[in-house]
Amino acid sequence: LKSPVILSIESSCDDTCAAIFHEGKIKSNIIHTQLSHTNYGGVVPELASREHLAHILPVVKESLVQAEITLNQVDAIAVTQGPGLLGSLLVGVCFAKSLSASLGIPCIGVHHMQAHILSLFAEDPKPTFPFLCLTEKHGMMPWVKHSTKQPKCSVSPIPADH
């Protein structure tokens, strides 16, 4: 059974990211961090969207180069579909869907917060069950308890002030 090559794209806020996962390993992980927001005291959604437009193609290209993978070797594209800034998500999702359609491969929507948790299973050492995981990002804080031997998420949002 051939190990699939997965191109992952993340654009939910102010970082444009692309990674290649193959043979149970992260082969590349390219991150472009937007610095244009520093003068405003926080992320400006419209600026974030425009920067994603400018950087998504170079970030994806660099990810492929670093992993020594060509686009024709990619078997599927995973992309953050939410939660996040709407305009930023649209850039990533539209890019991923267009690329997957042109290559004739699946495009897989990924829940941002669940992906943080499931990333623990990408490489060794993997967590043992049961385990408890808490993630927090900009006020979104899911509390997740894993009590089975399957890497599934049961996410319950908890207000950030708890």
N, C-alpha and C. Protein backbone atom coordinates (compact mmCIF):
# COMPACT_ATOMS: atom_id res chain seq x y z
N LEU A 1 0.85 -1.19 0.00
CA LEU A 1 0.00 0.00 0.00
C LEU A 1 0.88 1.24 0.00
N LYS A 2 0.67 2.11 -0.97
CA LYS A 2 1.47 3.32 -1.11
C LYS A 2 1.10 4.34 -0.02
N SER A 3 2.10 4.94 0.58
CA SER A 3 1.88 5.99 1.56
C SER A 3 1.50 7.28 0.83
N PRO A 4 0.34 7.88 1.15
CA PRO A 4 -0.07 9.08 0.42
C PRO A 4 0.80 10.29 0.75
N VAL A 5 0.94 11.16 -0.23
CA VAL A 5 1.60 12.45 -0.04
C VAL A 5 0.49 13.47 0.17
N ILE A 6 0.50 14.14 1.31
CA ILE A 6 -0.54 15.11 1.63
C ILE A 6 0.06 16.50 1.74
N LEU A 7 -0.49 17.42 0.96
CA LEU A 7 -0.14 18.83 1.07
C LEU A 7 -1.16 19.47 2.00
N SER A 8 -0.67 20.11 3.04
CA SER A 8 -1.56 20.78 4.01
C SER A 8 -1.39 22.28 3.89
N ILE A 9 -2.51 22.99 3.93
CA ILE A 9 -2.51 24.45 3.81
C ILE A 9 -3.28 25.03 4.98
N GLU A 10 -2.68 26.06 5.62
CA GLU A 10 -3.30 26.71 6.77
C GLU A 10 -3.26 28.21 6.57
N SER A 11 -4.43 28.86 6.68
CA SER A 11 -4.51 30.32 6.51
C SER A 11 -5.64 30.90 7.37
N SER A 12 -5.81 30.40 8.57
CA SER A 12 -6.97 30.79 9.37
C SER A 12 -6.85 32.17 10.01
N CYS A 13 -5.64 32.70 10.14
CA CYS A 13 -5.49 34.01 10.78
C CYS A 13 -4.41 34.81 10.07
N ASP A 14 -3.23 34.92 10.67
CA ASP A 14 -2.19 35.78 10.09
C ASP A 14 -0.91 35.04 9.73
N ASP A 15 -0.93 33.74 9.68
CA ASP A 15 0.20 32.95 9.19
C ASP A 15 -0.25 32.18 7.96
N THR A 16 0.57 32.22 6.92
CA THR A 16 0.31 31.42 5.73
C THR A 16 1.25 30.23 5.82
N CYS A 17 0.70 29.01 5.86
CA CYS A 17 1.51 27.82 6.10
C CYS A 17 1.19 26.73 5.08
N ALA A 18 2.24 25.96 4.76
CA ALA A 18 2.06 24.77 3.93
C ALA A 18 3.03 23.71 4.43
N ALA A 19 2.58 22.47 4.43
CA ALA A 19 3.42 21.36 4.88
C ALA A 19 3.16 20.16 4.00
N ILE A 20 4.16 19.30 3.94
CA ILE A 20 4.04 18.03 3.23
C ILE A 20 4.20 16.92 4.26
N PHE A 21 3.23 15.99 4.25
CA PHE A 21 3.26 14.82 5.13
C PHE A 21 3.33 13.59 4.24
N HIS A 22 4.33 12.74 4.49
CA HIS A 22 4.53 11.55 3.67
C HIS A 22 5.30 10.51 4.46
N GLU A 23 4.90 9.27 4.32
CA GLU A 23 5.56 8.14 4.98
C GLU A 23 5.65 8.32 6.50
N GLY A 24 4.58 8.85 7.06
CA GLY A 24 4.52 9.02 8.50
C GLY A 24 5.38 10.13 9.05
N LYS A 25 5.87 11.01 8.20
CA LYS A 25 6.76 12.09 8.63
C LYS A 25 6.33 13.42 8.02
N ILE A 26 6.61 14.49 8.74
CA ILE A 26 6.44 15.83 8.22
C ILE A 26 7.71 16.13 7.42
N LYS A 27 7.58 16.21 6.11
CA LYS A 27 8.74 16.40 5.22
C LYS A 27 9.11 17.88 5.08
N SER A 28 8.13 18.77 5.23
CA SER A 28 8.39 20.20 5.19
C SER A 28 7.29 20.91 5.96
N ASN A 29 7.63 22.10 6.44
CA ASN A 29 6.66 22.91 7.18
C ASN A 29 7.08 24.36 7.01
N ILE A 30 6.48 25.05 6.06
CA ILE A 30 6.86 26.43 5.74
C ILE A 30 5.81 27.38 6.31
N ILE A 31 6.29 28.40 7.02
CA ILE A 31 5.40 29.37 7.67
C ILE A 31 5.82 30.77 7.27
N HIS A 32 4.88 31.54 6.75
CA HIS A 32 5.11 32.97 6.53
C HIS A 32 4.28 33.72 7.56
N THR A 33 4.96 34.39 8.48
CA THR A 33 4.29 35.16 9.53
C THR A 33 4.13 36.60 9.06
N GLN A 34 2.93 37.10 9.18
CA GLN A 34 2.64 38.47 8.76
C GLN A 34 3.04 39.45 9.86
N LEU A 35 3.88 40.40 9.52
CA LEU A 35 4.33 41.40 10.49
C LEU A 35 3.61 42.73 10.32
N SER A 36 2.78 42.85 9.29
CA SER A 36 2.12 44.12 9.00
C SER A 36 1.11 44.54 10.06
N HIS A 37 0.75 43.65 10.95
CA HIS A 37 -0.27 43.95 11.96
C HIS A 37 0.31 44.59 13.22
N THR A 38 1.61 44.58 13.36
CA THR A 38 2.24 45.04 14.62
C THR A 38 1.89 46.49 14.96
N ASN A 39 1.69 47.33 13.96
CA ASN A 39 1.37 48.74 14.22
C ASN A 39 -0.07 48.95 14.69
N TYR A 40 -0.90 47.92 14.61
CA TYR A 40 -2.32 48.07 14.91
C TYR A 40 -2.74 47.42 16.23
N GLY A 41 -1.84 46.75 16.89
CA GLY A 41 -2.18 46.13 18.17
C GLY A 41 -2.98 44.85 18.04
N GLY A 42 -3.08 44.32 16.87
CA GLY A 42 -3.82 43.08 16.63
C GLY A 42 -3.95 42.83 15.15
N VAL A 43 -4.53 41.70 14.82
CA VAL A 43 -4.67 41.31 13.41
C VAL A 43 -5.79 42.12 12.75
N VAL A 44 -5.48 42.71 11.60
CA VAL A 44 -6.47 43.42 10.79
C VAL A 44 -6.92 42.43 9.71
N PRO A 45 -8.17 41.95 9.78
CA PRO A 45 -8.61 40.88 8.87
C PRO A 45 -8.38 41.15 7.39
N GLU A 46 -8.66 42.36 6.90
CA GLU A 46 -8.48 42.65 5.49
C GLU A 46 -7.00 42.59 5.09
N LEU A 47 -6.13 43.09 5.93
CA LEU A 47 -4.69 42.99 5.65
C LEU A 47 -4.24 41.53 5.63
N ALA A 48 -4.76 40.75 6.56
CA ALA A 48 -4.39 39.33 6.62
C ALA A 48 -4.78 38.62 5.33
N SER A 49 -5.99 38.87 4.84
CA SER A 49 -6.45 38.23 3.60
C SER A 49 -5.57 38.60 2.42
N ARG A 50 -5.22 39.87 2.33
CA ARG A 50 -4.38 40.32 1.21
C ARG A 50 -2.98 39.71 1.28
N GLU A 51 -2.44 39.59 2.48
CA GLU A 51 -1.11 38.98 2.61
C GLU A 51 -1.16 37.49 2.28
N HIS A 52 -2.23 36.82 2.65
CA HIS A 52 -2.37 35.41 2.26
C HIS A 52 -2.36 35.28 0.74
N LEU A 53 -3.09 36.18 0.05
CA LEU A 53 -3.11 36.15 -1.42
C LEU A 53 -1.71 36.30 -2.00
N ALA A 54 -0.91 37.16 -1.39
CA ALA A 54 0.44 37.42 -1.90
C ALA A 54 1.41 36.28 -1.60
N HIS A 55 1.17 35.54 -0.52
CA HIS A 55 2.18 34.58 -0.06
C HIS A 55 1.82 33.11 -0.19
N ILE A 56 0.57 32.79 -0.48
CA ILE A 56 0.19 31.37 -0.47
C ILE A 56 0.94 30.56 -1.53
N LEU A 57 1.07 31.09 -2.73
CA LEU A 57 1.76 30.34 -3.79
C LEU A 57 3.24 30.15 -3.47
N PRO A 58 3.99 31.20 -3.08
CA PRO A 58 5.40 30.97 -2.72
C PRO A 58 5.59 30.02 -1.54
N VAL A 59 4.69 30.07 -0.57
CA VAL A 59 4.79 29.17 0.60
C VAL A 59 4.58 27.72 0.17
N VAL A 60 3.56 27.48 -0.66
CA VAL A 60 3.30 26.12 -1.14
C VAL A 60 4.46 25.62 -1.99
N LYS A 61 4.96 26.47 -2.89
CA LYS A 61 6.10 26.08 -3.72
C LYS A 61 7.31 25.70 -2.87
N GLU A 62 7.62 26.52 -1.86
CA GLU A 62 8.78 26.24 -1.00
C GLU A 62 8.58 24.95 -0.22
N SER A 63 7.37 24.68 0.21
CA SER A 63 7.08 23.44 0.92
C SER A 63 7.36 22.23 0.04
N LEU A 64 6.93 22.30 -1.21
CA LEU A 64 7.19 21.20 -2.15
C LEU A 64 8.69 21.04 -2.42
N VAL A 65 9.38 22.14 -2.62
CA VAL A 65 10.83 22.09 -2.88
C VAL A 65 11.56 21.48 -1.69
N GLN A 66 11.24 21.96 -0.50
CA GLN A 66 11.92 21.45 0.70
C GLN A 66 11.67 19.96 0.91
N ALA A 67 10.47 19.49 0.56
CA ALA A 67 10.13 18.07 0.73
C ALA A 67 10.61 17.22 -0.45
N GLU A 68 11.13 17.89 -1.49
CA GLU A 68 11.56 17.20 -2.71
C GLU A 68 10.41 16.40 -3.33
N ILE A 69 9.27 17.08 -3.42
CA ILE A 69 8.03 16.50 -3.95
C ILE A 69 7.54 17.41 -5.08
N THR A 70 7.02 16.83 -6.15
CA THR A 70 6.39 17.63 -7.20
C THR A 70 4.88 17.64 -7.00
N LEU A 71 4.21 18.60 -7.60
CA LEU A 71 2.75 18.66 -7.48
C LEU A 71 2.09 17.38 -7.97
N ASN A 72 2.63 16.76 -9.00
CA ASN A 72 2.04 15.53 -9.54
C ASN A 72 2.16 14.35 -8.59
N GLN A 73 3.01 14.46 -7.57
CA GLN A 73 3.14 13.39 -6.58
C GLN A 73 2.17 13.55 -5.42
N VAL A 74 1.51 14.70 -5.32
CA VAL A 74 0.58 14.96 -4.22
C VAL A 74 -0.70 14.16 -4.45
N ASP A 75 -1.13 13.42 -3.41
CA ASP A 75 -2.32 12.57 -3.50
C ASP A 75 -3.58 13.23 -2.96
N ALA A 76 -3.42 14.21 -2.07
CA ALA A 76 -4.57 14.90 -1.47
C ALA A 76 -4.09 16.23 -0.89
N ILE A 77 -5.04 17.15 -0.76
CA ILE A 77 -4.75 18.45 -0.15
C ILE A 77 -5.67 18.61 1.05
N ALA A 78 -5.07 18.91 2.20
CA ALA A 78 -5.83 19.20 3.41
C ALA A 78 -5.76 20.71 3.64
N VAL A 79 -6.88 21.30 4.00
CA VAL A 79 -6.91 22.76 4.18
C VAL A 79 -7.79 23.11 5.38
N THR A 80 -7.35 24.11 6.12
CA THR A 80 -8.14 24.60 7.26
C THR A 80 -9.42 25.22 6.72
N GLN A 81 -10.57 24.72 7.21
CA GLN A 81 -11.86 25.27 6.79
C GLN A 81 -12.52 26.08 7.90
N GLY A 82 -11.93 26.12 9.07
CA GLY A 82 -12.46 26.92 10.18
C GLY A 82 -12.08 26.29 11.49
N PRO A 83 -12.25 26.95 12.57
CA PRO A 83 -12.63 28.35 12.69
C PRO A 83 -11.45 29.27 12.36
N GLY A 84 -11.76 30.53 12.08
CA GLY A 84 -10.74 31.51 11.76
C GLY A 84 -11.37 32.74 11.13
N LEU A 85 -10.51 33.62 10.61
CA LEU A 85 -10.98 34.83 9.94
C LEU A 85 -11.53 34.45 8.57
N LEU A 86 -12.73 34.90 8.27
CA LEU A 86 -13.43 34.48 7.06
C LEU A 86 -12.61 34.74 5.80
N GLY A 87 -12.11 35.94 5.63
CA GLY A 87 -11.35 36.27 4.43
C GLY A 87 -10.08 35.43 4.30
N SER A 88 -9.40 35.22 5.41
CA SER A 88 -8.18 34.41 5.42
C SER A 88 -8.49 32.97 5.06
N LEU A 89 -9.56 32.44 5.64
CA LEU A 89 -9.97 31.07 5.32
C LEU A 89 -10.34 30.92 3.85
N LEU A 90 -11.04 31.92 3.31
CA LEU A 90 -11.44 31.87 1.90
C LEU A 90 -10.23 31.77 0.97
N VAL A 91 -9.16 32.49 1.29
CA VAL A 91 -7.96 32.43 0.46
C VAL A 91 -7.42 31.01 0.43
N GLY A 92 -7.24 30.41 1.62
CA GLY A 92 -6.70 29.06 1.69
C GLY A 92 -7.60 28.02 1.06
N VAL A 93 -8.90 28.08 1.36
CA VAL A 93 -9.84 27.09 0.84
C VAL A 93 -9.98 27.21 -0.68
N CYS A 94 -10.09 28.43 -1.20
CA CYS A 94 -10.21 28.60 -2.66
C CYS A 94 -8.95 28.13 -3.36
N PHE A 95 -7.78 28.43 -2.80
CA PHE A 95 -6.53 27.97 -3.40
C PHE A 95 -6.48 26.44 -3.40
N ALA A 96 -6.78 25.83 -2.25
CA ALA A 96 -6.72 24.37 -2.13
C ALA A 96 -7.72 23.68 -3.05
N LYS A 97 -8.96 24.19 -3.11
CA LYS A 97 -9.98 23.58 -3.97
C LYS A 97 -9.61 23.71 -5.44
N SER A 98 -9.09 24.86 -5.82
CA SER A 98 -8.68 25.07 -7.22
C SER A 98 -7.54 24.14 -7.59
N LEU A 99 -6.54 24.05 -6.71
CA LEU A 99 -5.40 23.18 -6.98
C LEU A 99 -5.82 21.72 -7.03
N SER A 100 -6.66 21.30 -6.08
CA SER A 100 -7.09 19.90 -6.07
C SER A 100 -7.92 19.57 -7.32
N ALA A 101 -8.76 20.50 -7.75
CA ALA A 101 -9.56 20.27 -8.96
C ALA A 101 -8.66 20.16 -10.19
N SER A 102 -7.63 21.01 -10.26
CA SER A 102 -6.75 20.97 -11.42
C SER A 102 -5.90 19.70 -11.45
N LEU A 103 -5.61 19.14 -10.26
CA LEU A 103 -4.82 17.91 -10.18
C LEU A 103 -5.69 16.65 -10.17
N GLY A 104 -7.01 16.82 -9.97
CA GLY A 104 -7.91 15.67 -9.91
C GLY A 104 -7.73 14.84 -8.65
N ILE A 105 -7.43 15.52 -7.53
CA ILE A 105 -7.21 14.82 -6.24
C ILE A 105 -8.17 15.38 -5.20
N PRO A 106 -8.38 14.65 -4.10
CA PRO A 106 -9.30 15.12 -3.07
C PRO A 106 -8.80 16.36 -2.33
N CYS A 107 -9.75 17.19 -1.93
CA CYS A 107 -9.50 18.33 -1.05
C CYS A 107 -10.23 18.04 0.25
N ILE A 108 -9.50 18.02 1.35
CA ILE A 108 -10.06 17.62 2.64
C ILE A 108 -10.11 18.83 3.57
N GLY A 109 -11.31 19.21 3.99
CA GLY A 109 -11.47 20.31 4.94
C GLY A 109 -11.11 19.85 6.34
N VAL A 110 -10.38 20.69 7.06
CA VAL A 110 -9.88 20.33 8.38
C VAL A 110 -10.33 21.38 9.40
N HIS A 111 -10.80 20.92 10.55
CA HIS A 111 -11.16 21.81 11.66
C HIS A 111 -9.88 22.24 12.35
N HIS A 112 -9.66 23.54 12.42
CA HIS A 112 -8.42 24.10 12.92
C HIS A 112 -8.04 23.59 14.32
N MET A 113 -8.95 23.66 15.25
CA MET A 113 -8.63 23.30 16.64
C MET A 113 -8.44 21.79 16.80
N GLN A 114 -9.25 21.00 16.12
CA GLN A 114 -9.07 19.55 16.18
C GLN A 114 -7.73 19.15 15.59
N ALA A 115 -7.30 19.86 14.54
CA ALA A 115 -6.03 19.54 13.90
C ALA A 115 -4.85 19.76 14.85
N HIS A 116 -4.94 20.79 15.69
CA HIS A 116 -3.87 21.01 16.68
C HIS A 116 -3.72 19.77 17.56
N ILE A 117 -4.84 19.22 17.97
CA ILE A 117 -4.82 18.05 18.85
C ILE A 117 -4.35 16.81 18.11
N LEU A 118 -4.91 16.59 16.93
CA LEU A 118 -4.56 15.39 16.17
C LEU A 118 -3.13 15.43 15.63
N SER A 119 -2.53 16.61 15.58
CA SER A 119 -1.13 16.70 15.14
C SER A 119 -0.20 15.95 16.07
N LEU A 120 -0.66 15.69 17.28
CA LEU A 120 0.15 14.89 18.23
C LEU A 120 0.41 13.49 17.70
N PHE A 121 -0.43 13.03 16.75
CA PHE A 121 -0.29 11.69 16.21
C PHE A 121 0.53 11.65 14.91
N ALA A 122 1.03 12.81 14.46
CA ALA A 122 1.75 12.87 13.19
C ALA A 122 3.10 12.16 13.26
N GLU A 123 3.78 12.30 14.38
CA GLU A 123 5.11 11.70 14.50
C GLU A 123 5.27 11.13 15.91
N ASP A 124 6.28 10.30 16.05
CA ASP A 124 6.59 9.72 17.36
C ASP A 124 7.35 10.72 18.21
N PRO A 125 7.20 10.68 19.52
CA PRO A 125 6.36 9.76 20.27
C PRO A 125 4.90 10.22 20.26
N LYS A 126 3.99 9.26 20.11
CA LYS A 126 2.56 9.55 20.13
C LYS A 126 2.07 9.46 21.57
N PRO A 127 1.02 10.20 21.90
CA PRO A 127 0.48 10.12 23.26
C PRO A 127 -0.15 8.75 23.52
N THR A 128 -0.19 8.37 24.76
CA THR A 128 -0.86 7.12 25.14
C THR A 128 -2.24 7.48 25.71
N PHE A 129 -3.15 6.54 25.59
CA PHE A 129 -4.52 6.76 26.05
C PHE A 129 -4.69 6.23 27.46
N PRO A 130 -5.56 6.82 28.24
CA PRO A 130 -6.26 8.07 27.96
C PRO A 130 -5.33 9.27 28.16
N PHE A 131 -5.66 10.40 27.52
CA PHE A 131 -4.92 11.62 27.76
C PHE A 131 -5.87 12.80 27.69
N LEU A 132 -5.42 13.90 28.24
CA LEU A 132 -6.22 15.11 28.30
C LEU A 132 -5.45 16.19 27.55
N CYS A 133 -6.14 16.96 26.73
CA CYS A 133 -5.48 17.98 25.94
C CYS A 133 -6.30 19.27 26.01
N LEU A 134 -5.61 20.37 26.20
CA LEU A 134 -6.25 21.67 26.23
C LEU A 134 -5.56 22.55 25.20
N THR A 135 -6.32 23.14 24.29
CA THR A 135 -5.75 24.08 23.32
C THR A 135 -6.46 25.41 23.49
N GLU A 136 -5.74 26.47 23.20
CA GLU A 136 -6.32 27.81 23.29
C GLU A 136 -5.73 28.64 22.17
N LYS A 137 -6.60 29.34 21.45
CA LYS A 137 -6.14 30.24 20.41
C LYS A 137 -7.16 31.35 20.26
N HIS A 138 -6.77 32.54 20.60
CA HIS A 138 -7.60 33.73 20.40
C HIS A 138 -9.02 33.56 20.95
N GLY A 139 -9.13 33.03 22.15
CA GLY A 139 -10.43 32.91 22.78
C GLY A 139 -11.19 31.64 22.47
N MET A 140 -10.69 30.82 21.54
CA MET A 140 -11.33 29.53 21.26
C MET A 140 -10.61 28.49 22.09
N MET A 141 -11.30 27.87 23.02
CA MET A 141 -10.63 26.91 23.88
C MET A 141 -11.45 25.64 24.00
N PRO A 142 -11.20 24.66 23.15
CA PRO A 142 -11.91 23.38 23.31
C PRO A 142 -11.23 22.54 24.38
N TRP A 143 -11.99 21.84 25.14
CA TRP A 143 -11.51 20.93 26.17
C TRP A 143 -11.77 19.53 25.63
N VAL A 144 -10.73 18.75 25.49
CA VAL A 144 -10.87 17.47 24.83
C VAL A 144 -10.32 16.37 25.72
N LYS A 145 -11.12 15.36 25.96
CA LYS A 145 -10.68 14.21 26.73
C LYS A 145 -10.70 12.99 25.81
N HIS A 146 -9.57 12.34 25.69
CA HIS A 146 -9.47 11.14 24.87
C HIS A 146 -9.43 9.94 25.82
N SER A 147 -10.46 9.14 25.76
CA SER A 147 -10.50 8.01 26.67
C SER A 147 -10.57 6.68 25.94
N THR A 148 -10.54 6.72 24.62
CA THR A 148 -10.54 5.48 23.86
C THR A 148 -9.18 5.29 23.22
N LYS A 149 -9.04 4.22 22.49
CA LYS A 149 -7.77 3.98 21.81
C LYS A 149 -7.78 4.52 20.38
N GLN A 150 -8.81 5.25 20.01
CA GLN A 150 -8.90 5.84 18.68
C GLN A 150 -8.61 7.33 18.76
N PRO A 151 -7.82 7.87 17.82
CA PRO A 151 -7.54 9.31 17.83
C PRO A 151 -8.71 10.12 17.28
N LYS A 152 -9.79 10.20 18.08
CA LYS A 152 -10.97 10.96 17.69
C LYS A 152 -11.07 12.16 18.62
N CYS A 153 -11.67 13.21 18.13
CA CYS A 153 -11.87 14.40 18.95
C CYS A 153 -13.34 14.56 19.28
N SER A 154 -13.59 14.86 20.51
CA SER A 154 -14.91 15.29 20.93
C SER A 154 -14.69 16.69 21.49
N VAL A 155 -15.03 17.69 20.73
CA VAL A 155 -14.68 19.06 21.09
C VAL A 155 -15.89 19.77 21.67
N SER A 156 -15.70 20.34 22.84
CA SER A 156 -16.72 21.15 23.48
C SER A 156 -16.12 22.52 23.74
N PRO A 157 -16.62 23.56 23.05
CA PRO A 157 -16.07 24.90 23.29
C PRO A 157 -16.30 25.34 24.73
N ILE A 158 -15.30 25.94 25.30
CA ILE A 158 -15.38 26.50 26.65
C ILE A 158 -14.99 27.96 26.53
N PRO A 159 -15.75 28.88 27.12
CA PRO A 159 -15.37 30.29 27.05
C PRO A 159 -13.96 30.48 27.59
N ALA A 160 -13.20 31.40 26.96
CA ALA A 160 -11.80 31.61 27.31
C ALA A 160 -11.60 32.08 28.74
N ASP A 161 -12.65 32.65 29.37
CA ASP A 161 -12.47 33.16 30.74
C ASP A 161 -12.69 32.09 31.79
N HIS A 162 -12.83 30.82 31.38
CA HIS A 162 -12.98 29.72 32.34
C HIS A 162 -11.69 28.97 32.50
